[in-house]
Amino acid sequence: MTTTRDRIRRHVRLTPGVHFSRLGRDLDLATGQVQYHLRRLVREDELVAEEVGGRTHYFVPEFDPWERRALAYLRRETSRGIVVRLHANGPARPVDLAAELGVARSTVAYHVSNLADAGVIERSESTPMRVSLADPDRTAELLDAVSPSLPNRVVDRFVRTVDRLFE
């Protein structure tokens, strides 16, 4: 019989970078159960907890710190959109990314800043600034591993709607 801890471990392996609330929803577990088992799994070094952008994400230990940060941001729709666009078409100006993604420039600036701080993308020194992937090959491998969760997509779309009201 599969234990709760085995289910959590397997789900994290299949969904790298999953955050706490999604884990509970996906496995239909009570908050206390998830907290208890995650705490044990992290303490026993079977999982790694990484706080990225205000959320704690969970990974199997095989992912290095750069991969963990990148995966966490790739679970967010707007950040993922920026990375996918850069992967497909190469370097771009943030203003062009905003137009292509249909989001406000300030939203792109926020995500570009986070992605650059995490080492996922690089900003050029030139004016106008252009952004590009810091490690295109590793990033391409990670893109296959994740898709943003429904709650993250809902939040991103809400931000886009609000941004349009202020344009």
Protein backbone atom coordinates (compact mmCIF):
# COMPACT_ATOMS: atom_id res chain seq x y z
CA MET A 1 0.00 0.00 0.00
CA THR A 2 1.28 3.44 -0.92
CA THR A 3 1.87 5.77 2.00
CA THR A 4 1.06 9.46 1.98
CA ARG A 5 4.76 10.26 2.05
CA ASP A 6 5.36 8.04 -0.99
CA ARG A 7 2.54 9.81 -2.84
CA ILE A 8 4.00 13.23 -2.02
CA ARG A 9 7.53 12.17 -3.00
CA ARG A 10 6.29 10.75 -6.32
CA HIS A 11 4.20 13.84 -7.07
CA VAL A 12 7.14 16.18 -6.43
CA ARG A 13 9.33 14.04 -8.69
CA LEU A 14 6.73 14.25 -11.48
CA THR A 15 5.90 17.93 -10.84
CA PRO A 16 9.21 19.62 -9.98
CA GLY A 17 8.74 22.99 -8.36
CA VAL A 18 5.21 22.29 -7.19
CA HIS A 19 4.18 24.61 -4.39
CA PHE A 20 2.50 23.69 -1.14
CA SER A 21 -1.13 24.53 -1.92
CA ARG A 22 -1.09 22.84 -5.31
CA LEU A 23 0.42 19.72 -3.78
CA GLY A 24 -2.47 19.50 -1.31
CA ARG A 25 -5.05 20.08 -4.05
CA ASP A 26 -3.50 17.63 -6.49
CA LEU A 27 -3.30 14.84 -3.93
CA ASP A 28 -6.53 15.76 -2.11
CA LEU A 29 -4.76 15.98 1.25
CA ALA A 30 -5.53 18.12 4.27
CA THR A 31 -3.24 21.07 4.95
CA GLY A 32 -1.93 19.53 8.17
CA GLN A 33 -1.09 16.27 6.42
CA VAL A 34 0.85 18.05 3.71
CA GLN A 35 2.72 20.20 6.26
CA TYR A 36 3.64 17.22 8.42
CA HIS A 37 4.88 14.99 5.60
CA LEU A 38 6.71 17.75 3.73
CA ARG A 39 8.50 18.76 6.92
CA ARG A 40 9.63 15.15 7.44
CA LEU A 41 10.68 14.67 3.81
CA VAL A 42 12.71 17.89 3.84
CA ARG A 43 14.29 17.11 7.22
CA GLU A 44 15.29 13.65 5.93
CA ASP A 45 16.80 15.25 2.76
CA GLU A 46 14.38 13.39 0.50
CA LEU A 47 12.97 16.69 -0.81
CA VAL A 48 14.31 20.22 -1.03
CA ALA A 49 12.20 23.28 -0.17
CA GLU A 50 13.11 26.52 -1.95
CA GLU A 51 11.37 29.85 -1.43
CA VAL A 52 11.15 31.74 -4.70
CA GLY A 53 9.13 34.89 -5.17
CA GLY A 54 7.18 34.49 -1.94
CA ARG A 55 6.21 30.85 -2.46
CA THR A 56 7.84 27.68 -1.24
CA HIS A 57 8.44 25.17 -4.01
CA TYR A 58 9.45 21.53 -3.56
CA PHE A 59 11.98 19.52 -5.53
CA VAL A 60 13.82 16.24 -5.47
CA PRO A 61 17.47 16.78 -4.44
CA GLU A 62 18.80 16.13 -7.97
CA PHE A 63 17.97 19.69 -9.04
CA ASP A 64 20.68 22.27 -8.41
CA PRO A 65 19.86 25.75 -7.04
CA TRP A 66 19.77 27.39 -10.50
CA GLU A 67 17.39 24.73 -11.81
CA ARG A 68 15.15 25.08 -8.75
CA ARG A 69 14.82 28.86 -9.20
CA ALA A 70 14.28 28.51 -12.94
CA LEU A 71 11.63 25.82 -12.52
CA ALA A 72 9.79 27.88 -9.92
CA TYR A 73 9.58 30.86 -12.28
CA LEU A 74 8.64 28.64 -15.22
CA ARG A 75 5.54 27.60 -13.28
CA ARG A 76 4.28 31.20 -13.58
CA GLU A 77 2.53 32.03 -16.81
CA THR A 78 4.04 35.44 -17.55
CA SER A 79 7.59 34.43 -16.65
CA ARG A 80 7.17 31.28 -18.70
CA GLY A 81 5.83 33.33 -21.63
CA ILE A 82 8.91 35.55 -21.54
CA VAL A 83 11.27 32.56 -21.41
CA VAL A 84 9.41 30.70 -24.18
CA ARG A 85 9.51 33.80 -26.39
CA LEU A 86 13.25 34.28 -25.79
CA HIS A 87 13.89 30.59 -26.45
CA ALA A 88 11.92 30.63 -29.70
CA ASN A 89 13.05 33.97 -31.15
CA GLY A 90 16.21 35.01 -29.33
CA PRO A 91 17.00 38.29 -27.56
CA ALA A 92 14.31 40.95 -27.33
CA ARG A 93 13.59 44.33 -25.84
CA PRO A 94 11.24 44.28 -22.85
CA VAL A 95 8.86 46.68 -24.59
CA ASP A 96 8.52 44.20 -27.46
CA LEU A 97 7.94 41.33 -25.02
CA ALA A 98 5.14 43.33 -23.38
CA ALA A 99 3.46 43.90 -26.74
CA GLU A 100 3.84 40.27 -27.83
CA LEU A 101 2.55 38.88 -24.52
CA GLY A 102 -0.24 41.43 -24.18
CA VAL A 103 0.86 42.64 -20.74
CA ALA A 104 1.89 46.01 -19.35
CA ARG A 105 5.53 47.06 -19.57
CA SER A 106 5.65 47.24 -15.77
CA THR A 107 4.56 43.59 -15.57
CA VAL A 108 7.31 42.55 -17.98
CA ALA A 109 9.83 44.69 -16.07
CA TYR A 110 8.87 42.92 -12.83
CA HIS A 111 9.25 39.45 -14.35
CA VAL A 112 12.44 40.34 -16.23
CA SER A 113 13.95 41.62 -12.98
CA ASN A 114 13.03 38.40 -11.13
CA LEU A 115 14.29 36.19 -13.95
CA ALA A 116 17.55 38.14 -14.18
CA ASP A 117 18.07 37.97 -10.41
CA ALA A 118 17.55 34.20 -10.62
CA GLY A 119 20.12 33.94 -13.43
CA VAL A 120 17.59 32.64 -15.96
CA ILE A 121 17.94 35.61 -18.29
CA GLU A 122 20.57 38.26 -18.87
CA ARG A 123 20.10 41.98 -19.50
CA SER A 124 22.32 43.76 -21.99
CA GLU A 125 24.29 46.85 -21.01
CA SER A 126 23.35 48.58 -24.26
CA THR A 127 20.53 51.04 -24.79
CA PRO A 128 17.88 50.06 -25.57
CA MET A 129 18.23 47.12 -23.24
CA ARG A 130 17.70 43.63 -24.62
CA VAL A 131 17.19 40.44 -22.65
CA SER A 132 18.28 36.93 -23.57
CA LEU A 133 18.43 33.50 -21.98
CA ALA A 134 21.46 32.99 -19.75
CA ASP A 135 21.69 29.27 -20.54
CA PRO A 136 19.46 28.38 -23.52
CA ASP A 137 20.21 24.63 -23.52
CA ARG A 138 19.49 24.05 -19.83
CA THR A 139 16.44 26.30 -20.03
CA ALA A 140 15.05 24.31 -22.97
CA GLU A 141 15.32 21.10 -20.93
CA LEU A 142 13.46 22.68 -18.02
CA LEU A 143 10.69 24.08 -20.22
CA ASP A 144 9.68 20.53 -21.04
CA ALA A 145 9.38 19.70 -17.34
CA VAL A 146 6.78 22.29 -16.29
CA SER A 147 3.63 24.10 -17.16
CA PRO A 148 2.10 26.84 -15.03
CA SER A 149 -0.63 25.78 -12.62
CA LEU A 150 -4.22 26.96 -13.01
CA PRO A 151 -4.08 29.27 -9.94
CA ASN A 152 -0.90 30.89 -11.25
CA ARG A 153 -2.52 31.40 -14.67
CA VAL A 154 -5.61 32.95 -13.02
CA VAL A 155 -3.47 35.39 -11.02
CA ASP A 156 -1.41 36.32 -14.08
CA ARG A 157 -4.54 36.90 -16.14
CA PHE A 158 -6.05 39.03 -13.38
CA VAL A 159 -2.89 41.17 -13.35
CA ARG A 160 -3.12 41.51 -17.14
CA THR A 161 -6.74 42.64 -16.86
CA VAL A 162 -5.90 45.24 -14.23
CA ASP A 163 -2.90 46.42 -16.27
CA ARG A 164 -5.16 47.02 -19.27
CA LEU A 165 -7.47 49.19 -17.15
CA PHE A 166 -4.58 51.55 -16.38
CA GLU A 167 -3.17 51.82 -19.92
